[in-house]
Protein backbone atom coordinates (compact mmCIF):
# COMPACT_ATOMS: atom_id res chain seq x y z
CA UNK A 1 20.39 64.73 364.90
CA UNK A 2 20.69 67.58 367.50
CA UNK A 3 17.03 66.61 368.56
CA UNK A 4 18.12 63.03 369.01
CA UNK A 5 21.26 63.81 371.12
CA UNK A 6 19.12 65.87 373.43
CA UNK A 7 16.77 62.73 373.72
CA UNK A 8 19.37 60.42 374.42
CA UNK A 9 21.06 63.05 377.23
CA UNK A 10 17.78 63.15 378.76
CA UNK A 11 17.29 59.62 378.71
CA UNK A 12 20.51 59.06 380.24
CA UNK A 13 19.65 61.65 383.26
CA UNK A 14 16.55 59.76 383.86
CA UNK A 15 18.06 56.47 384.11
CA UNK A 16 20.84 57.63 386.36
CA UNK A 17 18.18 59.51 388.38
CA UNK A 18 16.28 56.25 388.62
CA UNK A 19 19.05 53.84 389.36
CA UNK A 20 21.24 55.85 391.14
CA UNK A 21 24.65 54.35 392.72
CA UNK A 22 24.72 50.66 394.31
CA UNK A 23 23.64 50.36 397.66
CA UNK A 24 24.13 46.92 399.29
CA UNK A 25 23.15 47.86 402.86
CA UNK A 26 20.59 46.22 404.85
CA UNK A 27 18.75 47.42 407.83
CA UNK A 28 17.90 44.15 409.66
CA UNK A 29 14.69 43.96 411.74
CA UNK A 30 13.22 41.05 414.11
CA UNK A 31 9.88 39.99 413.13
CA UNK A 32 9.17 37.88 416.15
CA UNK A 33 10.26 34.71 417.94
CA UNK A 34 9.74 30.82 416.68
CA UNK A 35 11.82 28.14 418.52
CA UNK A 36 14.10 26.39 416.07
CA UNK A 37 12.57 28.48 413.06
CA UNK A 38 12.09 26.67 409.78
CA UNK A 39 9.75 25.94 407.08
CA UNK A 40 9.05 29.71 406.22
CA UNK A 41 6.80 31.10 403.49
CA UNK A 42 5.98 34.77 402.48
CA UNK A 43 2.30 35.04 401.83
CA UNK A 44 -0.45 37.53 401.90
CA UNK A 45 -2.39 35.52 404.42
CA UNK A 46 -5.06 38.11 405.34
CA UNK A 47 -5.30 39.36 401.90
CA UNK A 48 -4.62 42.94 402.87
CA UNK A 49 -2.21 44.03 400.28
CA UNK A 50 1.23 43.13 402.11
CA UNK A 51 3.14 40.12 402.69
CA UNK A 52 2.89 38.32 406.05
CA UNK A 53 5.31 35.72 407.30
CA UNK A 54 4.77 31.94 408.11
CA UNK A 55 7.25 29.99 410.06
CA UNK A 56 7.32 26.49 411.95
CA UNK A 57 8.79 25.60 415.37
CA UNK A 58 10.49 22.72 413.86
CA UNK A 59 10.99 20.84 417.40
CA UNK A 60 8.01 21.77 419.02
CA UNK A 61 5.54 21.02 416.13
CA UNK A 62 3.81 24.48 416.06
CA UNK A 63 2.89 26.47 412.82
CA UNK A 64 2.69 30.40 413.20
CA UNK A 65 2.04 33.42 410.67
CA UNK A 66 3.20 37.10 411.60
CA UNK A 67 0.40 39.45 410.52
CA UNK A 68 2.19 42.54 408.67
CA UNK A 69 0.49 45.63 409.35
CA UNK A 70 3.03 48.38 408.34
CA UNK A 71 5.80 46.27 409.48
CA UNK A 72 4.37 45.87 413.02
CA UNK A 73 4.08 42.10 413.46
CA UNK A 74 1.66 40.06 415.36
CA UNK A 75 2.32 36.18 415.99
CA UNK A 76 -0.80 33.95 415.40
CA UNK A 77 -0.96 30.08 415.52
CA UNK A 78 -2.06 28.14 412.59
CA UNK A 79 -1.66 24.73 414.07
CA UNK A 80 0.12 22.64 416.79
CA UNK A 81 0.52 19.04 417.85
CA UNK A 82 2.55 18.04 414.74
CA UNK A 83 5.64 15.66 415.06
CA UNK A 84 8.94 17.27 415.41
CA UNK A 85 10.98 18.21 412.38
CA UNK A 86 8.45 20.46 410.72
CA UNK A 87 10.28 21.72 407.84
CA UNK A 88 8.39 23.29 405.20
CA UNK A 89 5.30 25.50 404.65
CA UNK A 90 3.58 26.97 401.69
CA UNK A 91 0.58 28.94 400.98
CA UNK A 92 -2.14 29.70 398.43
CA UNK A 93 -5.55 29.80 397.23
CA UNK A 94 -6.48 26.58 395.19
CA UNK A 95 -9.98 26.71 395.13
CA UNK A 96 -10.02 30.49 394.49
CA UNK A 97 -12.35 31.55 397.40
CA UNK A 98 -10.49 34.13 398.79
CA UNK A 99 -9.51 32.32 401.51
CA UNK A 100 -5.63 31.35 402.23
CA UNK A 101 -4.89 27.85 402.83
CA UNK A 102 -1.64 26.87 404.45
CA UNK A 103 0.24 23.64 403.82
CA UNK A 104 3.05 22.20 405.89
CA UNK A 105 5.09 19.16 406.41
CA UNK A 106 6.50 16.94 409.33
CA UNK A 107 6.77 13.57 408.08
CA UNK A 108 3.26 14.07 406.64
CA UNK A 109 1.54 16.84 404.60
CA UNK A 110 -1.08 18.77 406.02
CA UNK A 111 -3.47 21.32 404.90
CA UNK A 112 -4.93 24.03 407.11
CA UNK A 113 -7.65 26.53 406.38
CA UNK A 114 -8.95 29.34 408.82
CA UNK A 115 -12.21 28.86 410.62
CA UNK A 116 -13.08 32.49 410.93
CA UNK A 117 -13.31 33.29 406.94
CA UNK A 118 -14.36 36.70 407.41
CA UNK A 119 -11.34 37.55 409.66
CA UNK A 120 -8.45 35.38 409.43
CA UNK A 121 -6.53 37.24 412.35
CA UNK A 122 -8.87 35.85 415.01
CA UNK A 123 -10.14 32.44 415.61
CA UNK A 124 -8.65 28.86 415.13
CA UNK A 125 -7.50 27.06 411.96
CA UNK A 126 -8.75 23.31 410.90
CA UNK A 127 -6.06 21.09 409.44
CA UNK A 128 -6.25 17.61 407.46
CA UNK A 129 -3.54 15.11 406.99
CA UNK A 130 -3.02 14.63 403.27
CA UNK A 131 -0.11 12.33 403.06
CA UNK A 132 1.66 10.05 405.44
CA UNK A 133 5.03 8.78 406.35
CA UNK A 134 7.41 10.79 404.07
CA UNK A 135 10.54 10.87 406.10
CA UNK A 136 12.57 14.33 405.95
CA UNK A 137 9.85 16.22 404.15
CA UNK A 138 11.07 19.37 402.59
CA UNK A 139 10.51 22.44 399.98
CA UNK A 140 6.84 22.59 400.14
CA UNK A 141 5.35 24.67 397.11
CA UNK A 142 1.85 25.41 395.70
CA UNK A 143 0.94 24.43 392.22
CA UNK A 144 -1.84 26.96 390.91
CA UNK A 145 -1.49 27.40 387.10
CA UNK A 146 2.29 26.47 386.70
CA UNK A 147 1.63 22.96 385.49
CA UNK A 148 -1.43 23.18 383.14
CA UNK A 149 -4.66 22.73 384.78
CA UNK A 150 -3.09 20.79 387.55
CA UNK A 151 -3.55 22.36 391.07
CA UNK A 152 -2.17 21.07 394.46
CA UNK A 153 1.17 20.95 396.27
CA UNK A 154 4.61 19.39 395.54
CA UNK A 155 7.06 18.78 398.13
CA UNK A 156 10.41 16.85 398.27
CA UNK A 157 11.28 14.10 400.91
CA UNK A 158 14.72 12.62 401.85
CA UNK A 159 13.48 9.08 402.88
CA UNK A 160 15.32 6.79 405.00
CA UNK A 161 16.07 3.98 402.56
CA UNK A 162 18.35 4.03 399.22
CA UNK A 163 15.12 2.82 397.58
CA UNK A 164 12.92 5.92 398.75
CA UNK A 165 12.55 9.49 398.87
CA UNK A 166 11.84 11.98 395.86
CA UNK A 167 9.14 14.54 394.86
CA UNK A 168 5.60 14.23 395.78
CA UNK A 169 2.68 15.98 394.09
CA UNK A 170 -0.57 16.19 396.00
CA UNK A 171 -3.30 16.71 393.30
CA UNK A 172 -6.42 19.09 394.15
CA UNK A 173 -9.10 17.60 392.43
CA UNK A 174 -12.10 20.02 393.32
CA UNK A 175 -14.32 20.02 396.34
CA UNK A 176 -13.88 20.56 399.86
CA UNK A 177 -10.40 21.17 400.81
CA UNK A 178 -10.46 19.37 404.09
CA UNK A 179 -11.70 16.06 402.65
CA UNK A 180 -9.22 13.34 401.67
CA UNK A 181 -11.52 12.55 398.71
CA UNK A 182 -10.38 15.96 397.23
CA UNK A 183 -7.09 14.95 396.70
CA UNK A 184 -4.97 12.42 394.94
CA UNK A 185 -1.14 11.58 395.67
CA UNK A 186 1.12 11.32 393.05
CA UNK A 187 5.12 10.02 393.56
CA UNK A 188 6.04 11.95 390.66
CA UNK A 189 9.93 11.34 391.10
CA UNK A 190 11.86 8.42 393.19
CA UNK A 191 15.15 9.75 394.34
CA UNK A 192 16.71 9.09 397.52
CA UNK A 193 17.68 12.18 399.58
CA UNK A 194 15.92 14.74 397.64
CA UNK A 195 15.88 17.82 399.46
CA UNK A 196 15.65 21.18 398.28
CA UNK A 197 14.10 23.23 395.44
CA UNK A 198 14.28 27.02 394.41
CA UNK A 199 11.30 28.95 396.14
CA UNK A 200 10.00 29.81 392.65
CA UNK A 201 9.92 25.93 391.83
CA UNK A 202 9.53 25.76 388.02
CA UNK A 203 11.87 26.75 385.17
CA UNK A 204 12.12 25.93 381.39
CA UNK A 205 15.58 23.84 381.82
CA UNK A 206 14.99 22.07 378.61
CA UNK A 207 14.18 25.32 376.39
CA UNK A 208 10.92 24.11 375.18
CA UNK A 209 8.93 27.44 376.10
CA UNK A 210 7.10 26.15 379.09
CA UNK A 211 8.63 26.59 382.57
CA UNK A 212 7.40 23.36 384.01
CA UNK A 213 10.83 21.64 385.12
CA UNK A 214 11.88 21.36 388.83
CA UNK A 215 15.65 21.78 389.86
CA UNK A 216 16.16 19.82 392.95
CA UNK A 217 19.25 18.77 395.40
CA UNK A 218 19.70 15.42 397.06
CA UNK A 219 22.04 14.84 400.07
CA UNK A 220 23.38 11.80 401.66
CA UNK A 221 24.34 10.96 405.12
CA UNK A 222 21.44 12.36 406.89
CA UNK A 223 18.30 10.52 406.99
CA UNK A 224 18.94 8.33 403.70
CA UNK A 225 22.44 7.12 402.83
CA UNK A 226 21.32 7.96 399.13
CA UNK A 227 23.48 6.51 396.64
CA UNK A 228 23.02 9.45 393.88
CA UNK A 229 23.51 12.70 395.55
CA UNK A 230 24.22 16.45 394.02
CA UNK A 231 22.13 18.40 391.79
CA UNK A 232 19.24 17.17 389.44
CA UNK A 233 16.57 18.66 387.51
CA UNK A 234 12.99 16.76 386.80
CA UNK A 235 11.39 16.90 383.34
CA UNK A 236 7.46 16.17 383.32
CA UNK A 237 5.59 14.31 380.80
CA UNK A 238 3.74 17.44 379.25
CA UNK A 239 0.84 15.46 378.45
CA UNK A 240 0.30 14.06 382.12
CA UNK A 241 2.03 16.11 384.92
CA UNK A 242 0.66 13.42 387.62
CA UNK A 243 2.82 10.75 385.82
CA UNK A 244 6.29 9.92 386.66
CA UNK A 245 9.17 12.55 385.66
CA UNK A 246 12.07 11.93 384.00
CA UNK A 247 15.26 13.10 386.13
CA UNK A 248 18.52 14.59 384.68
CA UNK A 249 21.99 14.87 386.23
CA UNK A 250 23.52 18.41 386.53
CA UNK A 251 26.24 17.62 389.06
CA UNK A 252 26.37 14.07 390.79
CA UNK A 253 29.87 14.56 392.52
CA UNK A 254 28.67 16.31 395.57
CA UNK A 255 27.37 14.40 398.64
CA UNK A 256 25.75 16.95 400.77
CA UNK A 257 24.12 19.82 399.09
CA UNK A 258 21.79 22.26 400.72
CA UNK A 259 20.01 25.29 399.20
CA UNK A 260 19.74 26.27 395.76
CA UNK A 261 18.93 29.47 394.03
CA UNK A 262 18.33 30.52 390.24
CA UNK A 263 19.32 33.85 388.92
CA UNK A 264 21.72 35.65 386.73
CA UNK A 265 25.17 35.27 387.85
CA UNK A 266 27.52 35.06 384.87
CA UNK A 267 26.30 38.31 383.25
CA UNK A 268 24.37 36.74 380.21
CA UNK A 269 20.73 36.84 379.88
CA UNK A 270 20.24 33.25 380.93
CA UNK A 271 19.03 31.74 384.42
CA UNK A 272 21.97 30.19 386.15
CA UNK A 273 22.01 27.71 389.27
CA UNK A 274 23.85 28.44 392.48
CA UNK A 275 24.20 25.70 394.70
CA UNK A 276 25.51 25.74 398.51
CA UNK A 277 27.13 22.81 400.33
CA UNK A 278 27.34 21.60 403.69
CA UNK A 279 31.03 21.16 403.38
CA UNK A 280 31.66 24.80 402.86
CA UNK A 281 31.55 25.75 399.13
CA UNK A 282 29.20 27.61 396.70
CA UNK A 283 29.10 26.53 393.21
CA UNK A 284 27.65 28.33 389.98
CA UNK A 285 26.42 26.37 386.96
CA UNK A 286 26.24 28.40 383.86
CA UNK A 287 23.20 27.73 381.92
CA UNK A 288 24.65 28.91 378.45
CA UNK A 289 27.73 26.48 378.90
CA UNK A 290 25.76 23.19 379.53
CA UNK A 291 25.63 23.95 383.40
CA UNK A 292 29.51 23.98 383.72
CA UNK A 293 30.41 24.37 387.18
CA UNK A 294 32.63 27.30 388.96
CA UNK A 295 33.63 27.25 392.52
CA UNK A 296 32.98 30.60 393.75
CA UNK A 297 33.13 30.61 397.58
CA UNK A 298 34.88 28.06 399.89
CA UNK A 299 35.23 28.18 403.62
CA UNK A 300 34.72 26.11 406.67
CA UNK A 301 31.17 26.33 407.41
CA UNK A 302 28.20 25.42 405.40
CA UNK A 303 26.33 27.91 403.41
CA UNK A 304 22.58 28.17 403.87
CA UNK A 305 19.62 30.48 402.71
CA UNK A 306 21.33 31.08 399.17
CA UNK A 307 18.91 33.74 397.35
CA UNK A 308 19.36 35.72 394.07
CA UNK A 309 18.39 39.21 394.64
CA UNK A 310 18.87 42.37 392.51
CA UNK A 311 20.42 45.32 394.33
CA UNK A 312 22.12 47.47 391.80
CA UNK A 313 19.53 47.13 388.76
CA UNK A 314 22.23 45.54 386.52
CA UNK A 315 22.17 42.25 384.47
CA UNK A 316 24.08 40.27 387.10
CA UNK A 317 22.19 39.30 390.43
CA UNK A 318 23.61 39.82 393.87
CA UNK A 319 23.61 36.77 396.55
CA UNK A 320 22.14 36.72 399.99
CA UNK A 321 23.46 34.14 402.19
CA UNK A 322 24.33 32.92 405.57
CA UNK A 323 27.51 31.08 406.66
CA UNK A 324 29.44 30.89 410.14
CA UNK A 325 27.25 33.12 411.82
CA UNK A 326 27.08 35.86 409.40
CA UNK A 327 24.70 37.01 406.84
CA UNK A 328 26.15 38.55 403.26
CA UNK A 329 25.19 40.34 400.45
CA UNK A 330 27.97 39.84 397.75
CA UNK A 331 28.04 41.35 394.21
CA UNK A 332 30.22 41.17 391.07
CA UNK A 333 33.15 43.64 391.13
CA UNK A 334 33.96 42.97 387.60
CA UNK A 335 36.56 40.46 388.52
CA UNK A 336 35.22 38.76 391.58
CA UNK A 337 32.53 38.86 394.26
CA UNK A 338 32.85 41.42 396.73
CA UNK A 339 31.24 41.78 400.02
CA UNK A 340 28.59 44.56 400.09
CA UNK A 341 27.29 43.73 403.47
CA UNK A 342 27.89 41.66 406.31
CA UNK A 343 26.21 41.15 409.80
CA UNK A 344 27.67 38.83 412.50
CA UNK A 345 24.82 37.59 414.86
CA UNK A 346 22.95 34.31 415.71
CA UNK A 347 22.44 33.42 411.90
CA UNK A 348 24.70 30.21 411.98
CA UNK A 349 21.67 28.19 410.62
CA UNK A 350 19.56 30.37 408.51
CA UNK A 351 17.63 27.59 407.50
CA UNK A 352 15.18 27.30 404.69
CA UNK A 353 14.27 29.70 402.34
CA UNK A 354 14.96 33.52 402.22
CA UNK A 355 12.61 35.77 400.05
CA UNK A 356 13.43 39.04 398.20
CA UNK A 357 10.50 41.05 397.23
CA UNK A 358 8.71 44.27 397.70
CA UNK A 359 6.65 43.40 400.72
CA UNK A 360 4.71 46.45 401.08
CA UNK A 361 4.32 47.64 397.51
CA UNK A 362 6.47 50.87 397.98
CA UNK A 363 8.95 50.07 395.12
CA UNK A 364 11.82 48.91 397.41
CA UNK A 365 12.83 45.45 397.91
CA UNK A 366 12.92 43.48 401.16
CA UNK A 367 14.65 40.41 402.41
CA UNK A 368 13.02 37.81 405.02
CA UNK A 369 14.17 34.66 406.44
CA UNK A 370 14.05 32.60 409.40
CA UNK A 371 17.07 31.39 411.75
CA UNK A 372 16.90 28.31 413.70
CA UNK A 373 19.90 29.14 415.99
CA UNK A 374 18.84 32.50 417.08
CA UNK A 375 15.06 31.23 417.27
CA UNK A 376 13.87 34.55 415.31
CA UNK A 377 12.47 35.42 412.00
CA UNK A 378 13.76 38.51 410.35
CA UNK A 379 13.25 40.72 407.65
CA UNK A 380 15.46 43.49 406.20
CA UNK A 381 14.59 46.84 404.34
CA UNK A 382 17.04 47.91 401.20
CA UNK A 383 17.44 50.74 399.27
CA UNK A 384 17.07 48.61 395.81
CA UNK A 385 14.53 49.43 393.62
CA UNK A 386 12.64 47.40 391.52
CA UNK A 387 14.51 46.50 388.27
CA UNK A 388 14.34 49.18 385.92
CA UNK A 389 14.63 49.79 382.22
CA UNK A 390 14.64 52.87 379.80
CA UNK A 391 14.13 52.53 376.15
CA UNK A 392 14.24 55.36 373.35
CA UNK A 393 12.21 55.78 370.42
CA UNK A 394 13.64 58.65 368.42
CA UNK A 395 11.00 58.40 365.62
CA UNK A 396 8.21 59.74 368.11
CA UNK A 397 10.44 61.64 370.63
CA UNK A 398 9.27 59.22 373.41
CA UNK A 399 11.50 57.66 376.31
CA UNK A 400 9.86 54.72 378.13
CA UNK A 401 10.62 53.72 381.59
CA UNK A 402 9.59 50.47 383.28
CA UNK A 403 10.34 48.19 386.25
CA UNK A 404 9.83 44.72 386.58
CA UNK A 405 10.93 42.21 389.09
CA UNK A 406 10.78 38.34 388.15
CA UNK A 407 9.32 36.69 391.05
CA UNK A 408 7.65 33.86 389.46
CA UNK A 409 3.83 34.05 390.64
CA UNK A 410 4.45 36.94 392.65
CA UNK A 411 5.47 39.10 389.44
CA UNK A 412 4.89 42.77 389.67
CA UNK A 413 5.44 45.66 386.94
CA UNK A 414 4.61 49.17 385.96
CA UNK A 415 5.74 51.30 383.29
CA UNK A 416 5.34 55.30 382.22
CA UNK A 417 6.29 57.14 378.88
CA UNK A 418 7.60 60.50 378.66
CA UNK A 419 6.88 62.45 375.43
CA UNK A 420 9.57 64.99 374.84
CA UNK A 421 7.54 66.92 372.36
CA UNK A 422 4.96 67.95 374.78
CA UNK A 423 7.16 67.20 377.92
CA UNK A 424 4.07 65.15 379.08
CA UNK A 425 3.74 61.78 381.26
CA UNK A 426 1.41 59.12 380.26
């Protein structure tokens, strides 16, 4: 018994030293300048082990990537000559040749690959238009392993008629990437006003053991009158991901939804949905209670860039967002959502996705986002370590410590075990 008590005390000390007190501060830094910055993606473009930042000049029709060299940033161009309203970008390696492909949308969908395949930091990129006339294209996501053997890109588009808009799957069939014969276009969801998705894209909403459902928002009164707006999820045909998906309603009472994020906001073990509106409200939909809605923030300004981020290593996620020219970190106090950090600046429209990830593999989370109103892209360093867990097995005198951050296809983990009998690490 005494030995077990000692083990528990040592484990508690280890846990306290690993987790420490919550620190919600952000140290905000500018990555660089992009006019009307939008359409962001975080991806290791040059495959050197750290994350680079992709962003679009949404008015000038230019796509850039910022090369990350120890948080020293160099802006490089991927494409120009696009239409105005370049709204999204995403990146991947669909043909697994260790060369990055970048996808982006204006009203059309494009793919770009580097001409200099030995050093992408230098040289031009070549692009190909894959799909046309999808007005209000948004929320581009690469698919590579999430939908069985299907590879390609999905993106939402608002449309301009009550009869169009939805979700498109551009399926990569193999072969040369810059050849239209290598691609097949599928309208998997027809839904007017389809706009935002979460930046991890796929979740197991129907609880069938497979994370292949898409949560999306639909807004009206922008490019599309959109008779059916709000928050929805789409369920695929598991035997054919390129066939039409079934759309389910979570909340159709909201007319102008913006960004959504998925995380644990209610303190249970499930993934909940958080949804921000242009009208100045943020709602949480509780997975464990059939997605019942709770209004957690109300204000006069739109809420942009909602992102779940674990900054204190407990069960409930914190929230990063911008509203009314200020960025915030909000955390659960036990009775409500307190403000852990705020910074006023030109963040009025920090549009599109924000990313919470360890960008340089040092064990600490960073945040990255773009702001249209300030014409800049940013990153912020934090004191938040990756999510950590301590478990005890008194039968063999071991205490295990592991950390794991759920980032979809960017998941990282590590673990170690302490043997208190021999006081040795393994």
